[in-house]
Amino acid sequence: VAQQDVNPSMSSVTRLSLPVEGMTCASCVGRVERALKEVTG
């Protein structure tokens, strides 16, 4: 369940945890992280 944190000095943020299948090495981790960071928001 996404958690929302509110800080007076910054806008609210929401955290999400997803189960990912098919990763076998550190390069897989890097690919997934880069792909996620390109998502708007």
All heavy atoms as atom14 arrays in JSON, in Angstrom:
{
  "sequence": "VAQQDVNPSMSSVTRLSLPVEGMTCASCVGRVERALKEVTG",
  "atom14_mask": [
    [1, 1, 1, 1, 1, 1, 1, 0, 0, 0, 0, 0, 0, 0],
    [1, 1, 1, 1, 1, 0, 0, 0, 0, 0, 0, 0, 0, 0],
    [1, 1, 1, 1, 1, 1, 1, 1, 1, 0, 0, 0, 0, 0],
    [1, 1, 1, 1, 1, 1, 1, 1, 1, 0, 0, 0, 0, 0],
    [1, 1, 1, 1, 1, 1, 1, 1, 0, 0, 0, 0, 0, 0],
    [1, 1, 1, 1, 1, 1, 1, 0, 0, 0, 0, 0, 0, 0],
    [1, 1, 1, 1, 1, 1, 1, 1, 0, 0, 0, 0, 0, 0],
    [1, 1, 1, 1, 1, 1, 1, 0, 0, 0, 0, 0, 0, 0],
    [1, 1, 1, 1, 1, 1, 0, 0, 0, 0, 0, 0, 0, 0],
    [1, 1, 1, 1, 1, 1, 1, 1, 0, 0, 0, 0, 0, 0],
    [1, 1, 1, 1, 1, 1, 0, 0, 0, 0, 0, 0, 0, 0],
    [1, 1, 1, 1, 1, 1, 0, 0, 0, 0, 0, 0, 0, 0],
    [1, 1, 1, 1, 1, 1, 1, 0, 0, 0, 0, 0, 0, 0],
    [1, 1, 1, 1, 1, 1, 1, 0, 0, 0, 0, 0, 0, 0],
    [1, 1, 1, 1, 1, 1, 1, 1, 1, 1, 1, 0, 0, 0],
    [1, 1, 1, 1, 1, 1, 1, 1, 0, 0, 0, 0, 0, 0],
    [1, 1, 1, 1, 1, 1, 0, 0, 0, 0, 0, 0, 0, 0],
    [1, 1, 1, 1, 1, 1, 1, 1, 0, 0, 0, 0, 0, 0],
    [1, 1, 1, 1, 1, 1, 1, 0, 0, 0, 0, 0, 0, 0],
    [1, 1, 1, 1, 1, 1, 1, 0, 0, 0, 0, 0, 0, 0],
    [1, 1, 1, 1, 1, 1, 1, 1, 1, 0, 0, 0, 0, 0],
    [1, 1, 1, 1, 0, 0, 0, 0, 0, 0, 0, 0, 0, 0],
    [1, 1, 1, 1, 1, 1, 1, 1, 0, 0, 0, 0, 0, 0],
    [1, 1, 1, 1, 1, 1, 1, 0, 0, 0, 0, 0, 0, 0],
    [1, 1, 1, 1, 1, 1, 0, 0, 0, 0, 0, 0, 0, 0],
    [1, 1, 1, 1, 1, 0, 0, 0, 0, 0, 0, 0, 0, 0],
    [1, 1, 1, 1, 1, 1, 0, 0, 0, 0, 0, 0, 0, 0],
    [1, 1, 1, 1, 1, 1, 0, 0, 0, 0, 0, 0, 0, 0],
    [1, 1, 1, 1, 1, 1, 1, 0, 0, 0, 0, 0, 0, 0],
    [1, 1, 1, 1, 0, 0, 0, 0, 0, 0, 0, 0, 0, 0],
    [1, 1, 1, 1, 1, 1, 1, 1, 1, 1, 1, 0, 0, 0],
    [1, 1, 1, 1, 1, 1, 1, 0, 0, 0, 0, 0, 0, 0],
    [1, 1, 1, 1, 1, 1, 1, 1, 1, 0, 0, 0, 0, 0],
    [1, 1, 1, 1, 1, 1, 1, 1, 1, 1, 1, 0, 0, 0],
    [1, 1, 1, 1, 1, 0, 0, 0, 0, 0, 0, 0, 0, 0],
    [1, 1, 1, 1, 1, 1, 1, 1, 0, 0, 0, 0, 0, 0],
    [1, 1, 1, 1, 1, 1, 1, 1, 1, 0, 0, 0, 0, 0],
    [1, 1, 1, 1, 1, 1, 1, 1, 1, 0, 0, 0, 0, 0],
    [1, 1, 1, 1, 1, 1, 1, 0, 0, 0, 0, 0, 0, 0],
    [1, 1, 1, 1, 1, 1, 1, 0, 0, 0, 0, 0, 0, 0],
    [1, 1, 1, 1, 0, 0, 0, 0, 0, 0, 0, 0, 0, 0]
  ],
  "atom14_positions": [
    [[0.84, -1.18, 0.0], [0.0, 0.0, 0.0], [0.88, 1.23, 0.0], [1.78, 1.37, 0.82], [-0.91, -0.01, 1.23], [-1.75, 1.25, 1.27], [-1.78, -1.24, 1.23], [0.0, 0.0, 0.0], [0.0, 0.0, 0.0], [0.0, 0.0, 0.0], [0.0, 0.0, 0.0], [0.0, 0.0, 0.0], [0.0, 0.0, 0.0], [0.0, 0.0, 0.0]],
    [[0.62, 2.11, -0.93], [1.47, 3.29, -1.05], [1.38, 4.13, 0.2], [0.32, 4.31, 0.76], [1.04, 4.1, -2.27], [0.0, 0.0, 0.0], [0.0, 0.0, 0.0], [0.0, 0.0, 0.0], [0.0, 0.0, 0.0], [0.0, 0.0, 0.0], [0.0, 0.0, 0.0], [0.0, 0.0, 0.0], [0.0, 0.0, 0.0], [0.0, 0.0, 0.0]],
    [[2.51, 4.67, 0.62], [2.55, 5.52, 1.8], [2.81, 6.94, 1.35], [3.66, 7.21, 0.5], [3.67, 5.07, 2.75], [3.48, 3.64, 3.24], [4.64, 3.21, 4.11], [5.69, 3.84, 4.09], [4.44, 2.15, 4.85], [0.0, 0.0, 0.0], [0.0, 0.0, 0.0], [0.0, 0.0, 0.0], [0.0, 0.0, 0.0], [0.0, 0.0, 0.0]],
    [[2.08, 7.87, 1.97], [2.22, 9.27, 1.6], [2.82, 10.03, 2.77], [2.34, 9.96, 3.88], [0.84, 9.85, 1.23], [0.96, 11.23, 0.61], [-0.39, 11.68, 0.06], [-1.39, 11.05, 0.29], [-0.38, 12.77, -0.65], [0.0, 0.0, 0.0], [0.0, 0.0, 0.0], [0.0, 0.0, 0.0], [0.0, 0.0, 0.0], [0.0, 0.0, 0.0]],
    [[3.91, 10.75, 2.5], [4.57, 11.55, 3.52], [4.4, 13.02, 3.17], [4.59, 13.42, 2.02], [6.06, 11.22, 3.6], [6.29, 9.75, 3.92], [5.45, 9.19, 4.64], [7.29, 9.19, 3.43], [0.0, 0.0, 0.0], [0.0, 0.0, 0.0], [0.0, 0.0, 0.0], [0.0, 0.0, 0.0], [0.0, 0.0, 0.0], [0.0, 0.0, 0.0]],
    [[4.07, 13.79, 4.18], [3.9, 15.22, 3.94], [4.9, 15.98, 4.79], [4.99, 15.77, 6.0], [2.46, 15.66, 4.3], [2.3, 17.15, 4.06], [1.46, 14.88, 3.48], [0.0, 0.0, 0.0], [0.0, 0.0, 0.0], [0.0, 0.0, 0.0], [0.0, 0.0, 0.0], [0.0, 0.0, 0.0], [0.0, 0.0, 0.0], [0.0, 0.0, 0.0]],
    [[5.67, 16.87, 4.17], [6.66, 17.67, 4.86], [6.37, 19.13, 4.56], [6.15, 19.49, 3.4], [8.07, 17.29, 4.39], [9.14, 17.95, 5.23], [9.17, 19.17, 5.37], [10.04, 17.14, 5.75], [0.0, 0.0, 0.0], [0.0, 0.0, 0.0], [0.0, 0.0, 0.0], [0.0, 0.0, 0.0], [0.0, 0.0, 0.0], [0.0, 0.0, 0.0]],
    [[6.34, 19.98, 5.55], [5.99, 21.36, 5.3], [6.89, 22.02, 4.28], [6.5, 22.96, 3.59], [6.15, 22.02, 6.67], [6.02, 20.89, 7.67], [6.58, 19.71, 6.98], [0.0, 0.0, 0.0], [0.0, 0.0, 0.0], [0.0, 0.0, 0.0], [0.0, 0.0, 0.0], [0.0, 0.0, 0.0], [0.0, 0.0, 0.0], [0.0, 0.0, 0.0]],
    [[8.11, 21.54, 4.17], [9.07, 22.2, 3.29], [9.13, 21.6, 1.9], [9.86, 22.05, 1.06], [10.48, 22.13, 3.92], [10.86, 20.78, 4.07], [0.0, 0.0, 0.0], [0.0, 0.0, 0.0], [0.0, 0.0, 0.0], [0.0, 0.0, 0.0], [0.0, 0.0, 0.0], [0.0, 0.0, 0.0], [0.0, 0.0, 0.0], [0.0, 0.0, 0.0]],
    [[8.35, 20.53, 1.68], [8.39, 19.91, 0.37], [7.03, 19.33, 0.04], [6.19, 19.15, 0.91], [9.47, 18.81, 0.32], [9.24, 17.68, 1.32], [10.54, 16.43, 1.32], [10.36, 15.78, -0.32], [0.0, 0.0, 0.0], [0.0, 0.0, 0.0], [0.0, 0.0, 0.0], [0.0, 0.0, 0.0], [0.0, 0.0, 0.0], [0.0, 0.0, 0.0]],
    [[6.79, 19.07, -1.24], [5.51, 18.52, -1.66], [5.38, 17.08, -1.19], [6.36, 16.43, -0.87], [5.39, 18.58, -3.19], [6.44, 17.85, -3.79], [0.0, 0.0, 0.0], [0.0, 0.0, 0.0], [0.0, 0.0, 0.0], [0.0, 0.0, 0.0], [0.0, 0.0, 0.0], [0.0, 0.0, 0.0], [0.0, 0.0, 0.0], [0.0, 0.0, 0.0]],
    [[4.16, 16.57, -1.14], [3.91, 15.21, -0.67], [4.52, 14.21, -1.64], [4.6, 14.44, -2.84], [2.41, 14.98, -0.55], [1.79, 15.12, -1.81], [0.0, 0.0, 0.0], [0.0, 0.0, 0.0], [0.0, 0.0, 0.0], [0.0, 0.0, 0.0], [0.0, 0.0, 0.0], [0.0, 0.0, 0.0], [0.0, 0.0, 0.0], [0.0, 0.0, 0.0]],
    [[4.95, 13.08, -1.09], [5.52, 12.01, -1.9], [4.79, 10.72, -1.59], [4.24, 10.54, -0.51], [7.03, 11.84, -1.64], [7.78, 13.08, -2.05], [7.29, 11.5, -0.18], [0.0, 0.0, 0.0], [0.0, 0.0, 0.0], [0.0, 0.0, 0.0], [0.0, 0.0, 0.0], [0.0, 0.0, 0.0], [0.0, 0.0, 0.0], [0.0, 0.0, 0.0]],
    [[4.79, 9.81, -2.56], [4.15, 8.51, -2.39], [5.15, 7.42, -2.74], [5.85, 7.52, -3.75], [2.92, 8.39, -3.31], [2.09, 9.52, -3.12], [2.14, 7.13, -2.99], [0.0, 0.0, 0.0], [0.0, 0.0, 0.0], [0.0, 0.0, 0.0], [0.0, 0.0, 0.0], [0.0, 0.0, 0.0], [0.0, 0.0, 0.0], [0.0, 0.0, 0.0]],
    [[5.23, 6.42, -1.89], [6.16, 5.31, -2.11], [5.4, 4.07, -2.56], [4.33, 3.77, -2.04], [6.96, 5.03, -0.84], [7.89, 6.17, -0.46], [8.79, 5.8, 0.71], [9.75, 6.86, 0.99], [9.52, 7.88, 1.8], [8.35, 7.96, 2.43], [10.42, 8.81, 2.0], [0.0, 0.0, 0.0], [0.0, 0.0, 0.0], [0.0, 0.0, 0.0]],
    [[6.0, 3.35, -3.5], [5.39, 2.16, -4.07], [6.44, 1.07, -4.17], [7.58, 1.33, -4.55], [4.83, 2.49, -5.47], [3.85, 1.51, -6.09], [2.57, 1.45, -5.28], [3.54, 1.93, -7.52], [0.0, 0.0, 0.0], [0.0, 0.0, 0.0], [0.0, 0.0, 0.0], [0.0, 0.0, 0.0], [0.0, 0.0, 0.0], [0.0, 0.0, 0.0]],
    [[6.07, -0.16, -3.83], [6.99, -1.3, -3.91], [6.41, -2.32, -4.87], [5.28, -2.79, -4.69], [7.19, -1.92, -2.52], [8.07, -3.03, -2.6], [0.0, 0.0, 0.0], [0.0, 0.0, 0.0], [0.0, 0.0, 0.0], [0.0, 0.0, 0.0], [0.0, 0.0, 0.0], [0.0, 0.0, 0.0], [0.0, 0.0, 0.0], [0.0, 0.0, 0.0]],
    [[7.2, -2.69, -5.9], [6.72, -3.61, -6.93], [7.59, -4.86, -6.97], [8.82, -4.77, -6.89], [6.76, -2.94, -8.3], [5.99, -1.63, -8.47], [6.15, -1.12, -9.9], [4.53, -1.83, -8.15], [0.0, 0.0, 0.0], [0.0, 0.0, 0.0], [0.0, 0.0, 0.0], [0.0, 0.0, 0.0], [0.0, 0.0, 0.0], [0.0, 0.0, 0.0]],
    [[6.98, -6.05, -7.14], [7.75, -7.29, -7.32], [8.18, -7.44, -8.77], [7.35, -7.43, -9.68], [6.74, -8.38, -6.92], [5.41, -7.79, -7.23], [5.53, -6.31, -7.05], [0.0, 0.0, 0.0], [0.0, 0.0, 0.0], [0.0, 0.0, 0.0], [0.0, 0.0, 0.0], [0.0, 0.0, 0.0], [0.0, 0.0, 0.0], [0.0, 0.0, 0.0]],
    [[9.48, -7.56, -9.01], [10.01, -7.63, -10.37], [10.59, -9.02, -10.62], [11.38, -9.53, -9.81], [11.09, -6.56, -10.6], [11.59, -6.6, -12.04], [10.54, -5.18, -10.27], [0.0, 0.0, 0.0], [0.0, 0.0, 0.0], [0.0, 0.0, 0.0], [0.0, 0.0, 0.0], [0.0, 0.0, 0.0], [0.0, 0.0, 0.0], [0.0, 0.0, 0.0]],
    [[10.23, -9.63, -11.73], [10.74, -10.96, -12.09], [11.64, -10.87, -13.31], [11.46, -10.0, -14.16], [9.57, -11.92, -12.37], [8.74, -12.26, -11.15], [7.65, -13.26, -11.48], [7.25, -13.34, -12.65], [7.19, -13.95, -10.56], [0.0, 0.0, 0.0], [0.0, 0.0, 0.0], [0.0, 0.0, 0.0], [0.0, 0.0, 0.0], [0.0, 0.0, 0.0]],
    [[12.6, -11.81, -13.4], [13.46, -11.89, -14.58], [14.83, -11.3, -14.41], [15.68, -11.41, -15.3], [0.0, 0.0, 0.0], [0.0, 0.0, 0.0], [0.0, 0.0, 0.0], [0.0, 0.0, 0.0], [0.0, 0.0, 0.0], [0.0, 0.0, 0.0], [0.0, 0.0, 0.0], [0.0, 0.0, 0.0], [0.0, 0.0, 0.0], [0.0, 0.0, 0.0]],
    [[15.13, -10.65, -13.28], [16.45, -10.06, -13.06], [17.45, -11.14, -12.65], [17.13, -12.02, -11.85], [16.39, -8.99, -11.97], [15.51, -7.8, -12.32], [15.61, -6.48, -11.08], [15.01, -7.32, -9.61], [0.0, 0.0, 0.0], [0.0, 0.0, 0.0], [0.0, 0.0, 0.0], [0.0, 0.0, 0.0], [0.0, 0.0, 0.0], [0.0, 0.0, 0.0]],
    [[18.67, -11.08, -13.22], [19.68, -12.1, -12.93], [21.0, -11.53, -12.44], [21.83, -12.25, -11.89], [19.94, -12.95, -14.18], [20.36, -12.08, -15.25], [18.69, -13.7, -14.61], [0.0, 0.0, 0.0], [0.0, 0.0, 0.0], [0.0, 0.0, 0.0], [0.0, 0.0, 0.0], [0.0, 0.0, 0.0], [0.0, 0.0, 0.0], [0.0, 0.0, 0.0]],
    [[21.23, -10.22, -12.64], [22.53, -9.65, -12.28], [22.39, -8.16, -12.0], [21.31, -7.58, -12.11], [23.54, -9.89, -13.4], [23.02, -9.16, -14.97], [0.0, 0.0, 0.0], [0.0, 0.0, 0.0], [0.0, 0.0, 0.0], [0.0, 0.0, 0.0], [0.0, 0.0, 0.0], [0.0, 0.0, 0.0], [0.0, 0.0, 0.0], [0.0, 0.0, 0.0]],
    [[23.52, -7.55, -11.67], [23.52, -6.12, -11.34], [23.13, -5.25, -12.52], [22.53, -4.18, -12.35], [24.9, -5.72, -10.83], [0.0, 0.0, 0.0], [0.0, 0.0, 0.0], [0.0, 0.0, 0.0], [0.0, 0.0, 0.0], [0.0, 0.0, 0.0], [0.0, 0.0, 0.0], [0.0, 0.0, 0.0], [0.0, 0.0, 0.0], [0.0, 0.0, 0.0]],
    [[23.47, -5.71, -13.73], [23.11, -4.91, -14.9], [21.59, -4.87, -15.08], [21.04, -3.87, -15.54], [23.77, -5.48, -16.16], [23.33, -6.8, -16.41], [0.0, 0.0, 0.0], [0.0, 0.0, 0.0], [0.0, 0.0, 0.0], [0.0, 0.0, 0.0], [0.0, 0.0, 0.0], [0.0, 0.0, 0.0], [0.0, 0.0, 0.0], [0.0, 0.0, 0.0]],
    [[20.93, -5.97, -14.7], [19.46, -5.98, -14.76], [18.89, -4.94, -13.8], [17.95, -4.21, -14.13], [18.91, -7.36, -14.38], [19.42, -8.69, -15.49], [0.0, 0.0, 0.0], [0.0, 0.0, 0.0], [0.0, 0.0, 0.0], [0.0, 0.0, 0.0], [0.0, 0.0, 0.0], [0.0, 0.0, 0.0], [0.0, 0.0, 0.0], [0.0, 0.0, 0.0]],
    [[19.49, -4.88, -12.62], [19.05, -3.89, -11.64], [19.19, -2.48, -12.2], [18.3, -1.64, -12.09], [19.87, -4.03, -10.34], [19.58, -2.87, -9.39], [19.57, -5.36, -9.66], [0.0, 0.0, 0.0], [0.0, 0.0, 0.0], [0.0, 0.0, 0.0], [0.0, 0.0, 0.0], [0.0, 0.0, 0.0], [0.0, 0.0, 0.0], [0.0, 0.0, 0.0]],
    [[20.33, -2.22, -12.84], [20.57, -0.9, -13.42], [19.55, -0.56, -14.49], [19.08, 0.58, -14.57], [0.0, 0.0, 0.0], [0.0, 0.0, 0.0], [0.0, 0.0, 0.0], [0.0, 0.0, 0.0], [0.0, 0.0, 0.0], [0.0, 0.0, 0.0], [0.0, 0.0, 0.0], [0.0, 0.0, 0.0], [0.0, 0.0, 0.0], [0.0, 0.0, 0.0]],
    [[19.23, -1.54, -15.35], [18.26, -1.28, -16.41], [16.9, -0.91, -15.83], [16.23, 0.02, -16.3], [18.13, -2.51, -17.31], [19.35, -2.79, -18.16], [19.05, -3.85, -19.21], [20.27, -4.34, -19.83], [20.92, -5.45, -19.45], [20.44, -6.18, -18.45], [22.03, -5.82, -20.06], [0.0, 0.0, 0.0], [0.0, 0.0, 0.0], [0.0, 0.0, 0.0]],
    [[16.46, -1.67, -14.83], [15.15, -1.41, -14.24], [15.13, -0.03, -13.58], [14.17, 0.74, -13.73], [14.77, -2.51, -13.23], [13.47, -2.17, -12.52], [14.66, -3.86, -13.93], [0.0, 0.0, 0.0], [0.0, 0.0, 0.0], [0.0, 0.0, 0.0], [0.0, 0.0, 0.0], [0.0, 0.0, 0.0], [0.0, 0.0, 0.0], [0.0, 0.0, 0.0]],
    [[16.2, 0.29, -12.86], [16.25, 1.6, -12.19], [16.22, 2.73, -13.19], [15.5, 3.73, -12.99], [17.5, 1.68, -11.31], [17.43, 0.82, -10.06], [18.67, 0.98, -9.19], [19.67, 1.53, -9.7], [18.63, 0.56, -8.02], [0.0, 0.0, 0.0], [0.0, 0.0, 0.0], [0.0, 0.0, 0.0], [0.0, 0.0, 0.0], [0.0, 0.0, 0.0]],
    [[16.98, 2.59, -14.28], [16.99, 3.66, -15.29], [15.62, 3.81, -15.94], [15.16, 4.93, -16.18], [18.06, 3.36, -16.35], [19.49, 3.62, -15.89], [20.45, 3.6, -17.06], [20.52, 2.28, -17.68], [21.33, 1.3, -17.3], [22.16, 1.5, -16.26], [21.35, 0.13, -17.91], [0.0, 0.0, 0.0], [0.0, 0.0, 0.0], [0.0, 0.0, 0.0]],
    [[14.97, 2.69, -16.21], [13.64, 2.74, -16.83], [12.63, 3.41, -15.9], [11.79, 4.21, -16.35], [13.16, 1.32, -17.18], [0.0, 0.0, 0.0], [0.0, 0.0, 0.0], [0.0, 0.0, 0.0], [0.0, 0.0, 0.0], [0.0, 0.0, 0.0], [0.0, 0.0, 0.0], [0.0, 0.0, 0.0], [0.0, 0.0, 0.0], [0.0, 0.0, 0.0]],
    [[12.71, 3.11, -14.62], [11.77, 3.7, -13.67], [12.02, 5.19, -13.48], [11.08, 5.98, -13.33], [11.87, 2.98, -12.32], [11.3, 1.56, -12.27], [11.64, 0.88, -10.96], [9.78, 1.6, -12.47], [0.0, 0.0, 0.0], [0.0, 0.0, 0.0], [0.0, 0.0, 0.0], [0.0, 0.0, 0.0], [0.0, 0.0, 0.0], [0.0, 0.0, 0.0]],
    [[13.27, 5.61, -13.49], [13.59, 7.02, -13.28], [13.13, 7.9, -14.44], [13.0, 9.11, -14.29], [15.09, 7.19, -13.06], [15.55, 6.67, -11.7], [17.06, 6.77, -11.52], [17.49, 6.22, -10.17], [18.96, 6.24, -9.98], [0.0, 0.0, 0.0], [0.0, 0.0, 0.0], [0.0, 0.0, 0.0], [0.0, 0.0, 0.0], [0.0, 0.0, 0.0]],
    [[12.88, 7.27, -15.58], [12.4, 8.03, -16.73], [10.88, 8.26, -16.67], [10.34, 9.03, -17.46], [12.75, 7.3, -18.03], [14.25, 7.29, -18.32], [14.59, 6.49, -19.58], [13.63, 5.95, -20.2], [15.77, 6.41, -19.94], [0.0, 0.0, 0.0], [0.0, 0.0, 0.0], [0.0, 0.0, 0.0], [0.0, 0.0, 0.0], [0.0, 0.0, 0.0]],
    [[10.2, 7.56, -15.74], [8.75, 7.73, -15.61], [8.44, 9.1, -15.02], [9.07, 9.52, -14.04], [8.15, 6.61, -14.73], [6.67, 6.85, -14.5], [8.39, 5.26, -15.37], [0.0, 0.0, 0.0], [0.0, 0.0, 0.0], [0.0, 0.0, 0.0], [0.0, 0.0, 0.0], [0.0, 0.0, 0.0], [0.0, 0.0, 0.0], [0.0, 0.0, 0.0]],
    [[7.48, 9.78, -15.58], [7.09, 11.1, -15.09], [6.61, 11.01, -13.64], [5.76, 10.18, -13.31], [5.96, 11.68, -15.96], [6.4, 11.73, -17.31], [5.58, 13.08, -15.5], [0.0, 0.0, 0.0], [0.0, 0.0, 0.0], [0.0, 0.0, 0.0], [0.0, 0.0, 0.0], [0.0, 0.0, 0.0], [0.0, 0.0, 0.0], [0.0, 0.0, 0.0]],
    [[7.17, 11.86, -12.79], [6.74, 11.9, -11.4], [7.59, 11.08, -10.46], [7.46, 11.18, -9.24], [0.0, 0.0, 0.0], [0.0, 0.0, 0.0], [0.0, 0.0, 0.0], [0.0, 0.0, 0.0], [0.0, 0.0, 0.0], [0.0, 0.0, 0.0], [0.0, 0.0, 0.0], [0.0, 0.0, 0.0], [0.0, 0.0, 0.0], [0.0, 0.0, 0.0]]
  ]
}
